[in-house]
Amino acid sequence: KRSGHYDFYRELMYFFKIEEQEYAVKPMNCPGHVLIYKSKTRSYKDLPIRYFELGTVYRHERSGVMHGLMRARGFTQDDGHIFCTPAQLKEEIENTISFALDILKTFNFGFKFILSTRPEDYIGSKKNWEHATKALREALKESGLNYEIALGEGAFYGPKIDIQVSDALGRLWQCSTIQVDFNFPEKFDLTYTERDGKKRRCVMVHRALLGSIERFLGVLIEHYGGAFPVWLAPVQVKILPIADRHLKYASEIKKRLEKENLRVELDRRSEKIGKKIREAQIEKVPYMLIIGDKEVKSGSVALRLRSEEDLGEVKVDKFLRRIFLAIERKEC
């Protein structure tokens, strides 16, 4: 109630009673980090303080807006909260933007930045809102980013930068968010001791870079259509022996690749090689190593890609150089 979540999120919260006492499962992680900050006296020397957790939250979304992993009633967020001085605010926002860009570029996402401003139902003073919005705008400018403005789309406690990512179908999904909050520090009296010994109010930054982990994974799957880059693929290599007599050599290859920390599976089934190849391609495994009499004799493998390209016989060392380079470059 003190944070304002009870008033603004009551319809989305799950309540229950134990011995006539009302409880609710949390719709947000913010108040917990606030209480940790407030648990002891803080000095300007301590700031900025950054807390992080993978915290699960629950919101009673309407059934009509639920959408698989993309929008669920229970989800886990990579929630971080930064407590800093007003002078540190701009740098903290810029660092968070840089962190978000590193993540999004690593996954090769298309994205756009949106600055969301004060809604009609808000808490705190207009002065604080203007100060917070200015800090976000200047950080975006300093980072050299183009952005859109979404009037009235901010959180009830502060303006925010939303980062929307696009999937393979061009649909936009809300993932990363960076919010500046002067209001929680006032409501919870969050202070630090300055050089002159006087108490000053800190500034709070809310940040989630992946956002909902479930949604991020859903967008990731849609984005790549299941054909993950080599570095990200759950199974990077599938070894396909043609006959049972090739299993011994295939097992040796598997052990060698696993020693190199590669994610490998060995198809031990007594199926035709054509079926094994088709199923590995359906599973979108980046590399298939086919092993027959010729490969056993020469100490090599027959390399095939999920794109159906057949590269023929290669030495294991050469294959390892190829896959390590693909992983290093984060290639598909």
C-alpha atoms as a PDB file:
ATOM      1  CA  LYS A   1       0.000   0.000   0.000  1.00  0.00           C
ATOM      2  CA  ARG A   2       2.815   2.371   0.816  1.00  0.00           C
ATOM      3  CA  SER A   3       4.451   1.874  -2.577  1.00  0.00           C
ATOM      4  CA  GLY A   4       1.188   2.541  -4.419  1.00  0.00           C
ATOM      5  CA  HIS A   5       0.996  -0.898  -6.020  1.00  0.00           C
ATOM      6  CA  TYR A   6      -2.081  -1.799  -3.983  1.00  0.00           C
ATOM      7  CA  ASP A   7      -4.073   1.110  -5.400  1.00  0.00           C
ATOM      8  CA  PHE A   8      -2.793   0.861  -8.965  1.00  0.00           C
ATOM      9  CA  TYR A   9      -2.498  -2.918  -9.326  1.00  0.00           C
ATOM     10  CA  ARG A  10      -5.233  -4.206  -7.016  1.00  0.00           C
ATOM     11  CA  GLU A  11      -7.373  -5.546  -9.879  1.00  0.00           C
ATOM     12  CA  LEU A  12      -4.378  -7.477 -11.233  1.00  0.00           C
ATOM     13  CA  MET A  13      -3.278  -8.927  -7.889  1.00  0.00           C
ATOM     14  CA  TYR A  14      -3.995 -12.325  -6.351  1.00  0.00           C
ATOM     15  CA  PHE A  15      -5.285 -12.117  -2.766  1.00  0.00           C
ATOM     16  CA  PHE A  16      -5.887 -14.767  -0.134  1.00  0.00           C
ATOM     17  CA  LYS A  17      -6.592 -14.871   3.602  1.00  0.00           C
ATOM     18  CA  ILE A  18      -4.884 -16.785   6.398  1.00  0.00           C
ATOM     19  CA  GLU A  19      -6.366 -16.436   9.907  1.00  0.00           C
ATOM     20  CA  GLU A  20      -8.301 -13.352   8.791  1.00  0.00           C
ATOM     21  CA  GLN A  21      -5.101 -11.662   7.605  1.00  0.00           C
ATOM     22  CA  GLU A  22      -5.078 -10.599   3.943  1.00  0.00           C
ATOM     23  CA  TYR A  23      -2.047 -11.547   1.857  1.00  0.00           C
ATOM     24  CA  ALA A  24      -1.160 -11.073  -1.796  1.00  0.00           C
ATOM     25  CA  VAL A  25       1.441 -12.570  -4.095  1.00  0.00           C
ATOM     26  CA  LYS A  26       3.692  -9.841  -5.425  1.00  0.00           C
ATOM     27  CA  PRO A  27       2.953  -8.199  -8.796  1.00  0.00           C
ATOM     28  CA  MET A  28       6.387  -6.502  -8.798  1.00  0.00           C
ATOM     29  CA  ASN A  29       9.824  -6.944  -7.231  1.00  0.00           C
ATOM     30  CA  CYS A  30      10.557  -3.263  -6.520  1.00  0.00           C
ATOM     31  CA  PRO A  31       9.387  -2.931  -2.880  1.00  0.00           C
ATOM     32  CA  GLY A  32      11.667  -5.763  -1.746  1.00  0.00           C
ATOM     33  CA  HIS A  33      14.790  -4.013  -3.000  1.00  0.00           C
ATOM     34  CA  VAL A  34      13.582  -0.762  -1.469  1.00  0.00           C
ATOM     35  CA  LEU A  35      13.365  -2.410   1.953  1.00  0.00           C
ATOM     36  CA  ILE A  36      16.865  -3.867   1.582  1.00  0.00           C
ATOM     37  CA  TYR A  37      18.241  -0.394   0.806  1.00  0.00           C
ATOM     38  CA  LYS A  38      16.381   1.066   3.773  1.00  0.00           C
ATOM     39  CA  SER A  39      17.606  -1.633   6.173  1.00  0.00           C
ATOM     40  CA  LYS A  40      20.745   0.343   7.069  1.00  0.00           C
ATOM     41  CA  THR A  41      22.199   3.847   6.941  1.00  0.00           C
ATOM     42  CA  ARG A  42      23.773   4.696   3.577  1.00  0.00           C
ATOM     43  CA  SER A  43      26.609   7.100   2.765  1.00  0.00           C
ATOM     44  CA  TYR A  44      27.391   8.908  -0.486  1.00  0.00           C
ATOM     45  CA  LYS A  45      30.480   6.660  -0.558  1.00  0.00           C
ATOM     46  CA  ASP A  46      28.206   3.613  -0.924  1.00  0.00           C
ATOM     47  CA  LEU A  47      26.375   4.921  -3.984  1.00  0.00           C
ATOM     48  CA  PRO A  48      25.506   3.823  -6.532  1.00  0.00           C
ATOM     49  CA  ILE A  49      24.112   0.626  -5.032  1.00  0.00           C
ATOM     50  CA  ARG A  50      22.792  -1.909  -7.539  1.00  0.00           C
ATOM     51  CA  TYR A  51      20.533  -4.818  -6.585  1.00  0.00           C
ATOM     52  CA  PHE A  52      19.484  -7.611  -8.928  1.00  0.00           C
ATOM     53  CA  GLU A  53      17.279 -10.690  -8.768  1.00  0.00           C
ATOM     54  CA  LEU A  54      15.478 -13.124 -11.018  1.00  0.00           C
ATOM     55  CA  GLY A  55      12.112 -12.610  -9.352  1.00  0.00           C
ATOM     56  CA  THR A  56       8.812 -14.258 -10.255  1.00  0.00           C
ATOM     57  CA  VAL A  57       5.738 -12.012 -10.186  1.00  0.00           C
ATOM     58  CA  TYR A  58       2.040 -12.703 -10.677  1.00  0.00           C
ATOM     59  CA  ARG A  59      -0.595 -10.580 -12.387  1.00  0.00           C
ATOM     60  CA  HIS A  60      -4.175 -11.551 -13.123  1.00  0.00           C
ATOM     61  CA  GLU A  61      -4.148 -10.643 -16.800  1.00  0.00           C
ATOM     62  CA  ARG A  62      -7.467 -10.882 -18.657  1.00  0.00           C
ATOM     63  CA  SER A  63      -7.859 -14.181 -20.490  1.00  0.00           C
ATOM     64  CA  GLY A  64      -8.340 -12.324 -23.778  1.00  0.00           C
ATOM     65  CA  VAL A  65      -4.830 -10.824 -23.708  1.00  0.00           C
ATOM     66  CA  MET A  66      -2.965 -13.977 -22.672  1.00  0.00           C
ATOM     67  CA  HIS A  67      -0.629 -15.191 -25.412  1.00  0.00           C
ATOM     68  CA  GLY A  68       1.511 -18.242 -24.655  1.00  0.00           C
ATOM     69  CA  LEU A  69       4.960 -17.357 -23.359  1.00  0.00           C
ATOM     70  CA  MET A  70       4.549 -13.795 -24.595  1.00  0.00           C
ATOM     71  CA  ARG A  71       1.950 -12.782 -22.017  1.00  0.00           C
ATOM     72  CA  ALA A  72       1.320 -14.943 -18.976  1.00  0.00           C
ATOM     73  CA  ARG A  73      -0.073 -14.519 -15.476  1.00  0.00           C
ATOM     74  CA  GLY A  74       3.125 -15.650 -13.804  1.00  0.00           C
ATOM     75  CA  PHE A  75       6.545 -14.746 -15.156  1.00  0.00           C
ATOM     76  CA  THR A  76      10.118 -14.171 -14.042  1.00  0.00           C
ATOM     77  CA  GLN A  77      11.894 -10.858 -14.560  1.00  0.00           C
ATOM     78  CA  ASP A  78      15.582  -9.970 -14.479  1.00  0.00           C
ATOM     79  CA  ASP A  79      14.828  -7.100 -12.160  1.00  0.00           C
ATOM     80  CA  GLY A  80      17.519  -4.660 -11.132  1.00  0.00           C
ATOM     81  CA  HIS A  81      17.252  -1.500  -9.047  1.00  0.00           C
ATOM     82  CA  ILE A  82      19.895   1.192  -8.802  1.00  0.00           C
ATOM     83  CA  PHE A  83      20.027   3.674  -5.933  1.00  0.00           C
ATOM     84  CA  CYS A  84      22.184   6.676  -6.777  1.00  0.00           C
ATOM     85  CA  THR A  85      22.705  10.396  -6.237  1.00  0.00           C
ATOM     86  CA  PRO A  86      21.102  12.869  -8.668  1.00  0.00           C
ATOM     87  CA  ALA A  87      24.585  13.610 -10.045  1.00  0.00           C
ATOM     88  CA  GLN A  88      25.112   9.916 -10.850  1.00  0.00           C
ATOM     89  CA  LEU A  89      21.743   9.432 -12.544  1.00  0.00           C
ATOM     90  CA  LYS A  90      22.652  10.227 -16.158  1.00  0.00           C
ATOM     91  CA  GLU A  91      25.698   7.942 -16.164  1.00  0.00           C
ATOM     92  CA  GLU A  92      23.710   5.088 -14.626  1.00  0.00           C
ATOM     93  CA  ILE A  93      21.030   5.394 -17.320  1.00  0.00           C
ATOM     94  CA  GLU A  94      23.660   5.505 -20.070  1.00  0.00           C
ATOM     95  CA  ASN A  95      25.393   2.424 -18.651  1.00  0.00           C
ATOM     96  CA  THR A  96      22.083   0.575 -18.515  1.00  0.00           C
ATOM     97  CA  ILE A  97      21.272   1.533 -22.114  1.00  0.00           C
ATOM     98  CA  SER A  98      24.713   0.285 -23.171  1.00  0.00           C
ATOM     99  CA  PHE A  99      24.134  -3.000 -21.327  1.00  0.00           C
ATOM    100  CA  ALA A 100      20.752  -3.442 -23.034  1.00  0.00           C
ATOM    101  CA  LEU A 101      22.263  -2.744 -26.466  1.00  0.00           C
ATOM    102  CA  ASP A 102      24.989  -5.337 -25.884  1.00  0.00           C
ATOM    103  CA  ILE A 103      22.353  -7.967 -25.138  1.00  0.00           C
ATOM    104  CA  LEU A 104      20.056  -7.105 -28.043  1.00  0.00           C
ATOM    105  CA  LYS A 105      22.897  -6.955 -30.564  1.00  0.00           C
ATOM    106  CA  THR A 106      24.298 -10.262 -29.300  1.00  0.00           C
ATOM    107  CA  PHE A 107      20.978 -11.923 -30.110  1.00  0.00           C
ATOM    108  CA  ASN A 108      20.783 -10.049 -33.435  1.00  0.00           C
ATOM    109  CA  PHE A 109      17.413  -8.488 -32.644  1.00  0.00           C
ATOM    110  CA  GLY A 110      15.847  -5.580 -34.451  1.00  0.00           C
ATOM    111  CA  PHE A 111      14.641  -3.053 -31.889  1.00  0.00           C
ATOM    112  CA  LYS A 112      13.391   0.467 -31.258  1.00  0.00           C
ATOM    113  CA  PHE A 113      13.525   2.797 -28.262  1.00  0.00           C
ATOM    114  CA  ILE A 114      10.432   4.500 -26.862  1.00  0.00           C
ATOM    115  CA  LEU A 115      10.355   7.238 -24.223  1.00  0.00           C
ATOM    116  CA  SER A 116       7.107   6.867 -22.253  1.00  0.00           C
ATOM    117  CA  THR A 117       5.928   9.963 -20.380  1.00  0.00           C
ATOM    118  CA  ARG A 118       3.626  10.833 -17.461  1.00  0.00           C
ATOM    119  CA  PRO A 119       0.200   9.102 -17.499  1.00  0.00           C
ATOM    120  CA  GLU A 120      -3.021  10.671 -16.242  1.00  0.00           C
ATOM    121  CA  ASP A 121      -2.950   8.554 -13.081  1.00  0.00           C
ATOM    122  CA  TYR A 122       0.436   9.170 -11.521  1.00  0.00           C
ATOM    123  CA  ILE A 123       2.022   9.707  -8.140  1.00  0.00           C
ATOM    124  CA  GLY A 124       4.566  12.336  -7.145  1.00  0.00           C
ATOM    125  CA  SER A 125       5.130  15.926  -8.194  1.00  0.00           C
ATOM    126  CA  LYS A 126       5.259  17.233 -11.755  1.00  0.00           C
ATOM    127  CA  LYS A 127       8.672  18.679 -10.969  1.00  0.00           C
ATOM    128  CA  ASN A 128      10.082  15.249 -10.189  1.00  0.00           C
ATOM    129  CA  TRP A 129       8.476  13.795 -13.306  1.00  0.00           C
ATOM    130  CA  GLU A 130      10.007  16.518 -15.468  1.00  0.00           C
ATOM    131  CA  HIS A 131      13.436  15.969 -13.886  1.00  0.00           C
ATOM    132  CA  ALA A 132      13.217  12.210 -14.467  1.00  0.00           C
ATOM    133  CA  THR A 133      11.994  12.574 -18.059  1.00  0.00           C
ATOM    134  CA  LYS A 134      14.796  15.017 -18.828  1.00  0.00           C
ATOM    135  CA  ALA A 135      17.403  12.566 -17.494  1.00  0.00           C
ATOM    136  CA  LEU A 136      16.089   9.787 -19.741  1.00  0.00           C
ATOM    137  CA  ARG A 137      15.909  12.059 -22.780  1.00  0.00           C
ATOM    138  CA  GLU A 138      19.479  13.296 -22.288  1.00  0.00           C
ATOM    139  CA  ALA A 139      20.795   9.741 -21.828  1.00  0.00           C
ATOM    140  CA  LEU A 140      19.156   8.671 -25.097  1.00  0.00           C
ATOM    141  CA  LYS A 141      20.647  11.687 -26.847  1.00  0.00           C
ATOM    142  CA  GLU A 142      24.130  11.054 -25.419  1.00  0.00           C
ATOM    143  CA  SER A 143      23.878   7.433 -26.561  1.00  0.00           C
ATOM    144  CA  GLY A 144      23.152   8.617 -30.115  1.00  0.00           C
ATOM    145  CA  LEU A 145      19.846   6.759 -30.311  1.00  0.00           C
ATOM    146  CA  ASN A 146      16.715   7.604 -32.246  1.00  0.00           C
ATOM    147  CA  TYR A 147      13.559   7.136 -30.226  1.00  0.00           C
ATOM    148  CA  GLU A 148       9.806   7.627 -30.303  1.00  0.00           C
ATOM    149  CA  ILE A 149       7.743   9.359 -27.624  1.00  0.00           C
ATOM    150  CA  ALA A 150       4.706   7.587 -26.161  1.00  0.00           C
ATOM    151  CA  LEU A 151       2.701  10.280 -24.402  1.00  0.00           C
ATOM    152  CA  GLY A 152       1.079   9.143 -21.163  1.00  0.00           C
ATOM    153  CA  GLU A 153       2.476   5.596 -21.335  1.00  0.00           C
ATOM    154  CA  GLY A 154       4.871   5.827 -18.380  1.00  0.00           C
ATOM    155  CA  ALA A 155       4.543   3.779 -15.185  1.00  0.00           C
ATOM    156  CA  PHE A 156       2.436   5.340 -12.433  1.00  0.00           C
ATOM    157  CA  TYR A 157       5.599   6.162 -10.448  1.00  0.00           C
ATOM    158  CA  GLY A 158       7.895   7.443 -13.196  1.00  0.00           C
ATOM    159  CA  PRO A 159       8.770   7.866 -16.892  1.00  0.00           C
ATOM    160  CA  LYS A 160      10.593   5.076 -18.685  1.00  0.00           C
ATOM    161  CA  ILE A 161      12.521   3.976 -21.723  1.00  0.00           C
ATOM    162  CA  ASP A 162      10.918   0.936 -23.312  1.00  0.00           C
ATOM    163  CA  ILE A 163      12.832  -1.169 -25.814  1.00  0.00           C
ATOM    164  CA  GLN A 164      10.677  -3.179 -28.176  1.00  0.00           C
ATOM    165  CA  VAL A 165      12.186  -6.041 -30.171  1.00  0.00           C
ATOM    166  CA  SER A 166      10.857  -7.518 -33.395  1.00  0.00           C
ATOM    167  CA  ASP A 167      10.439 -11.206 -34.162  1.00  0.00           C
ATOM    168  CA  ALA A 168      10.764 -12.997 -37.515  1.00  0.00           C
ATOM    169  CA  LEU A 169       7.230 -11.897 -38.469  1.00  0.00           C
ATOM    170  CA  GLY A 170       7.958  -8.241 -37.755  1.00  0.00           C
ATOM    171  CA  ARG A 171       5.799  -8.153 -34.622  1.00  0.00           C
ATOM    172  CA  LEU A 172       7.040  -5.889 -31.828  1.00  0.00           C
ATOM    173  CA  TRP A 173       7.321  -7.138 -28.255  1.00  0.00           C
ATOM    174  CA  GLN A 174       8.095  -5.187 -25.096  1.00  0.00           C
ATOM    175  CA  CYS A 175      11.227  -6.547 -23.414  1.00  0.00           C
ATOM    176  CA  SER A 176      13.776  -4.163 -21.877  1.00  0.00           C
ATOM    177  CA  THR A 177      12.696  -1.230 -19.743  1.00  0.00           C
ATOM    178  CA  ILE A 178      14.554   1.514 -17.847  1.00  0.00           C
ATOM    179  CA  GLN A 179      12.561   3.669 -15.428  1.00  0.00           C
ATOM    180  CA  VAL A 180      13.591   6.654 -13.325  1.00  0.00           C
ATOM    181  CA  ASP A 181      11.811   6.995 -10.016  1.00  0.00           C
ATOM    182  CA  PHE A 182      11.896   9.965  -7.640  1.00  0.00           C
ATOM    183  CA  ASN A 183       8.634   8.908  -6.012  1.00  0.00           C
ATOM    184  CA  PHE A 184       9.554   5.659  -4.263  1.00  0.00           C
ATOM    185  CA  PRO A 185      12.477   7.391  -2.502  1.00  0.00           C
ATOM    186  CA  GLU A 186       9.993   9.949  -1.160  1.00  0.00           C
ATOM    187  CA  LYS A 187       7.350   7.414  -0.140  1.00  0.00           C
ATOM    188  CA  PHE A 188       9.886   5.210   1.654  1.00  0.00           C
ATOM    189  CA  ASP A 189      12.177   8.057   2.791  1.00  0.00           C
ATOM    190  CA  LEU A 190      15.236   6.609   1.049  1.00  0.00           C
ATOM    191  CA  THR A 191      18.231   8.744   1.964  1.00  0.00           C
ATOM    192  CA  TYR A 192      22.000   8.786   2.117  1.00  0.00           C
ATOM    193  CA  THR A 193      24.442  10.928   4.111  1.00  0.00           C
ATOM    194  CA  GLU A 194      26.281  13.538   2.010  1.00  0.00           C
ATOM    195  CA  ARG A 195      29.826  14.832   2.558  1.00  0.00           C
ATOM    196  CA  ASP A 196      28.476  17.647   4.721  1.00  0.00           C
ATOM    197  CA  GLY A 197      26.785  15.130   7.029  1.00  0.00           C
ATOM    198  CA  LYS A 198      23.274  16.058   5.892  1.00  0.00           C
ATOM    199  CA  LYS A 199      20.660  13.588   4.674  1.00  0.00           C
ATOM    200  CA  ARG A 200      19.822  13.698   0.968  1.00  0.00           C
ATOM    201  CA  ARG A 201      17.156  11.875  -1.015  1.00  0.00           C
ATOM    202  CA  CYS A 202      18.498   9.270  -3.446  1.00  0.00           C
ATOM    203  CA  VAL A 203      17.160   8.513  -6.930  1.00  0.00           C
ATOM    204  CA  MET A 204      15.946   5.047  -7.908  1.00  0.00           C
ATOM    205  CA  VAL A 205      16.291   3.437 -11.341  1.00  0.00           C
ATOM    206  CA  HIS A 206      14.257   0.349 -12.216  1.00  0.00           C
ATOM    207  CA  ARG A 207      15.701  -1.791 -14.985  1.00  0.00           C
ATOM    208  CA  ALA A 208      14.840  -5.103 -16.622  1.00  0.00           C
ATOM    209  CA  LEU A 209      16.978  -5.914 -19.658  1.00  0.00           C
ATOM    210  CA  LEU A 210      15.416  -9.181 -20.771  1.00  0.00           C
ATOM    211  CA  GLY A 211      12.119  -8.258 -19.163  1.00  0.00           C
ATOM    212  CA  SER A 212       9.970 -11.347 -18.769  1.00  0.00           C
ATOM    213  CA  ILE A 213      12.350 -14.287 -19.257  1.00  0.00           C
ATOM    214  CA  GLU A 214       9.448 -16.307 -20.665  1.00  0.00           C
ATOM    215  CA  ARG A 215       8.587 -13.604 -23.192  1.00  0.00           C
ATOM    216  CA  PHE A 216      12.228 -13.138 -24.153  1.00  0.00           C
ATOM    217  CA  LEU A 217      12.588 -16.862 -24.849  1.00  0.00           C
ATOM    218  CA  GLY A 218       9.355 -16.818 -26.849  1.00  0.00           C
ATOM    219  CA  VAL A 219      10.548 -13.895 -28.972  1.00  0.00           C
ATOM    220  CA  LEU A 220      13.935 -15.581 -29.370  1.00  0.00           C
ATOM    221  CA  ILE A 221      12.350 -18.793 -30.653  1.00  0.00           C
ATOM    222  CA  GLU A 222      10.111 -16.843 -33.054  1.00  0.00           C
ATOM    223  CA  HIS A 223      13.001 -14.655 -34.184  1.00  0.00           C
ATOM    224  CA  TYR A 224      15.178 -17.572 -35.245  1.00  0.00           C
ATOM    225  CA  GLY A 225      12.321 -19.899 -36.173  1.00  0.00           C
ATOM    226  CA  GLY A 226      14.006 -22.494 -33.957  1.00  0.00           C
ATOM    227  CA  ALA A 227      17.216 -22.392 -36.043  1.00  0.00           C
ATOM    228  CA  PHE A 228      19.380 -20.899 -33.308  1.00  0.00           C
ATOM    229  CA  PRO A 229      22.901 -19.632 -34.004  1.00  0.00           C
ATOM    230  CA  VAL A 230      25.586 -22.226 -33.302  1.00  0.00           C
ATOM    231  CA  TRP A 231      26.619 -20.610 -29.992  1.00  0.00           C
ATOM    232  CA  LEU A 232      23.016 -20.644 -28.763  1.00  0.00           C
ATOM    233  CA  ALA A 233      21.716 -23.960 -30.150  1.00  0.00           C
ATOM    234  CA  PRO A 234      20.718 -26.435 -27.393  1.00  0.00           C
ATOM    235  CA  VAL A 235      22.342 -29.194 -29.471  1.00  0.00           C
ATOM    236  CA  GLN A 236      25.197 -27.945 -31.643  1.00  0.00           C
ATOM    237  CA  VAL A 237      26.254 -31.240 -33.212  1.00  0.00           C
ATOM    238  CA  LYS A 238      24.427 -34.481 -33.910  1.00  0.00           C
ATOM    239  CA  ILE A 239      26.476 -37.569 -34.740  1.00  0.00           C
ATOM    240  CA  LEU A 240      24.737 -39.983 -37.104  1.00  0.00           C
ATOM    241  CA  PRO A 241      26.336 -43.428 -37.517  1.00  0.00           C
ATOM    242  CA  ILE A 242      25.129 -45.295 -40.605  1.00  0.00           C
ATOM    243  CA  ALA A 243      25.199 -48.735 -38.951  1.00  0.00           C
ATOM    244  CA  ASP A 244      25.743 -50.276 -35.526  1.00  0.00           C
ATOM    245  CA  ARG A 245      29.338 -51.164 -36.423  1.00  0.00           C
ATOM    246  CA  HIS A 246      30.108 -47.431 -36.582  1.00  0.00           C
ATOM    247  CA  LEU A 247      28.903 -46.736 -33.021  1.00  0.00           C
ATOM    248  CA  LYS A 248      32.284 -47.290 -31.367  1.00  0.00           C
ATOM    249  CA  TYR A 249      34.015 -44.651 -33.508  1.00  0.00           C
ATOM    250  CA  ALA A 250      30.979 -42.350 -33.219  1.00  0.00           C
ATOM    251  CA  SER A 251      31.183 -42.578 -29.411  1.00  0.00           C
ATOM    252  CA  GLU A 252      34.870 -41.638 -29.541  1.00  0.00           C
ATOM    253  CA  ILE A 253      34.030 -38.562 -31.633  1.00  0.00           C
ATOM    254  CA  LYS A 254      31.271 -37.617 -29.165  1.00  0.00           C
ATOM    255  CA  LYS A 255      33.680 -37.799 -26.211  1.00  0.00           C
ATOM    256  CA  ARG A 256      36.238 -35.693 -28.054  1.00  0.00           C
ATOM    257  CA  LEU A 257      33.702 -32.974 -28.876  1.00  0.00           C
ATOM    258  CA  GLU A 258      32.322 -32.976 -25.330  1.00  0.00           C
ATOM    259  CA  LYS A 259      35.844 -32.430 -23.993  1.00  0.00           C
ATOM    260  CA  GLU A 260      35.806 -29.239 -26.075  1.00  0.00           C
ATOM    261  CA  ASN A 261      32.588 -28.220 -24.225  1.00  0.00           C
ATOM    262  CA  LEU A 262      30.405 -28.680 -27.286  1.00  0.00           C
ATOM    263  CA  ARG A 263      26.780 -29.784 -26.900  1.00  0.00           C
ATOM    264  CA  VAL A 264      26.566 -33.096 -28.726  1.00  0.00           C
ATOM    265  CA  GLU A 265      24.050 -35.896 -29.226  1.00  0.00           C
ATOM    266  CA  LEU A 266      24.678 -39.344 -30.695  1.00  0.00           C
ATOM    267  CA  ASP A 267      21.802 -41.015 -32.552  1.00  0.00           C
ATOM    268  CA  ARG A 268      22.240 -44.677 -31.593  1.00  0.00           C
ATOM    269  CA  ARG A 269      19.016 -45.911 -33.199  1.00  0.00           C
ATOM    270  CA  SER A 270      19.045 -48.646 -35.819  1.00  0.00           C
ATOM    271  CA  GLU A 271      17.291 -46.466 -38.391  1.00  0.00           C
ATOM    272  CA  LYS A 272      18.126 -45.672 -41.989  1.00  0.00           C
ATOM    273  CA  ILE A 273      20.603 -42.800 -42.295  1.00  0.00           C
ATOM    274  CA  GLY A 274      18.167 -40.817 -44.452  1.00  0.00           C
ATOM    275  CA  LYS A 275      15.616 -40.792 -41.631  1.00  0.00           C
ATOM    276  CA  LYS A 276      18.247 -39.741 -39.092  1.00  0.00           C
ATOM    277  CA  ILE A 277      19.327 -36.836 -41.315  1.00  0.00           C
ATOM    278  CA  ARG A 278      15.737 -35.677 -41.929  1.00  0.00           C
ATOM    279  CA  GLU A 279      14.917 -35.710 -38.221  1.00  0.00           C
ATOM    280  CA  ALA A 280      18.108 -33.815 -37.319  1.00  0.00           C
ATOM    281  CA  GLN A 281      17.198 -31.189 -39.929  1.00  0.00           C
ATOM    282  CA  ILE A 282      13.674 -30.902 -38.513  1.00  0.00           C
ATOM    283  CA  GLU A 283      15.286 -30.384 -35.088  1.00  0.00           C
ATOM    284  CA  LYS A 284      17.407 -27.667 -36.753  1.00  0.00           C
ATOM    285  CA  VAL A 285      20.694 -28.936 -35.348  1.00  0.00           C
ATOM    286  CA  PRO A 286      23.447 -26.772 -36.942  1.00  0.00           C
ATOM    287  CA  TYR A 287      25.900 -29.589 -37.725  1.00  0.00           C
ATOM    288  CA  MET A 288      25.417 -33.278 -38.547  1.00  0.00           C
ATOM    289  CA  LEU A 289      28.416 -35.605 -38.554  1.00  0.00           C
ATOM    290  CA  ILE A 290      27.695 -38.734 -40.585  1.00  0.00           C
ATOM    291  CA  ILE A 291      29.906 -41.739 -39.951  1.00  0.00           C
ATOM    292  CA  GLY A 292      30.293 -44.778 -42.187  1.00  0.00           C
ATOM    293  CA  ASP A 293      33.021 -47.223 -43.176  1.00  0.00           C
ATOM    294  CA  LYS A 294      34.974 -44.573 -45.083  1.00  0.00           C
ATOM    295  CA  GLU A 295      35.032 -42.148 -42.143  1.00  0.00           C
ATOM    296  CA  VAL A 296      36.029 -44.843 -39.639  1.00  0.00           C
ATOM    297  CA  LYS A 297      38.911 -45.922 -41.869  1.00  0.00           C
ATOM    298  CA  SER A 298      40.210 -42.380 -42.500  1.00  0.00           C
ATOM    299  CA  GLY A 299      39.543 -41.011 -38.994  1.00  0.00           C
ATOM    300  CA  SER A 300      37.255 -38.299 -40.366  1.00  0.00           C
ATOM    301  CA  VAL A 301      33.560 -37.349 -40.485  1.00  0.00           C
ATOM    302  CA  ALA A 302      31.121 -36.461 -43.259  1.00  0.00           C
ATOM    303  CA  LEU A 303      29.854 -32.953 -42.504  1.00  0.00           C
ATOM    304  CA  ARG A 304      26.324 -31.846 -43.325  1.00  0.00           C
ATOM    305  CA  LEU A 305      24.622 -28.545 -42.428  1.00  0.00           C
ATOM    306  CA  ARG A 306      21.004 -27.987 -41.411  1.00  0.00           C
ATOM    307  CA  SER A 307      20.684 -25.940 -44.615  1.00  0.00           C
ATOM    308  CA  GLU A 308      21.010 -29.339 -46.386  1.00  0.00           C
ATOM    309  CA  GLU A 309      24.444 -28.388 -47.706  1.00  0.00           C
ATOM    310  CA  ASP A 310      26.692 -31.471 -47.876  1.00  0.00           C
ATOM    311  CA  LEU A 311      30.350 -30.533 -47.274  1.00  0.00           C
ATOM    312  CA  GLY A 312      31.651 -34.061 -47.584  1.00  0.00           C
ATOM    313  CA  GLU A 313      34.507 -35.681 -45.705  1.00  0.00           C
ATOM    314  CA  VAL A 314      36.516 -33.503 -43.289  1.00  0.00           C
ATOM    315  CA  LYS A 315      39.039 -34.176 -40.564  1.00  0.00           C
ATOM    316  CA  VAL A 316      37.767 -33.686 -37.015  1.00  0.00           C
ATOM    317  CA  ASP A 317      40.373 -30.987 -36.308  1.00  0.00           C
ATOM    318  CA  LYS A 318      39.154 -29.004 -39.316  1.00  0.00           C
ATOM    319  CA  PHE A 319      35.542 -29.318 -38.173  1.00  0.00           C
ATOM    320  CA  LEU A 320      36.501 -28.122 -34.695  1.00  0.00           C
ATOM    321  CA  ARG A 321      38.193 -25.033 -36.138  1.00  0.00           C
ATOM    322  CA  ARG A 322      35.041 -24.333 -38.161  1.00  0.00           C
ATOM    323  CA  ILE A 323      32.603 -24.628 -35.257  1.00  0.00           C
ATOM    324  CA  PHE A 324      34.804 -22.644 -32.846  1.00  0.00           C
ATOM    325  CA  LEU A 325      35.009 -19.822 -35.393  1.00  0.00           C
ATOM    326  CA  ALA A 326      31.215 -19.877 -35.856  1.00  0.00           C
ATOM    327  CA  ILE A 327      30.732 -19.724 -32.083  1.00  0.00           C
ATOM    328  CA  GLU A 328      33.245 -16.910 -31.671  1.00  0.00           C
ATOM    329  CA  ARG A 329      31.580 -14.873 -34.431  1.00  0.00           C
ATOM    330  CA  LYS A 330      28.107 -15.811 -33.169  1.00  0.00           C
ATOM    331  CA  GLU A 331      27.164 -16.974 -36.660  1.00  0.00           C
ATOM    332  CA  CYS A 332      23.921 -18.721 -37.559  1.00  0.00           C
END
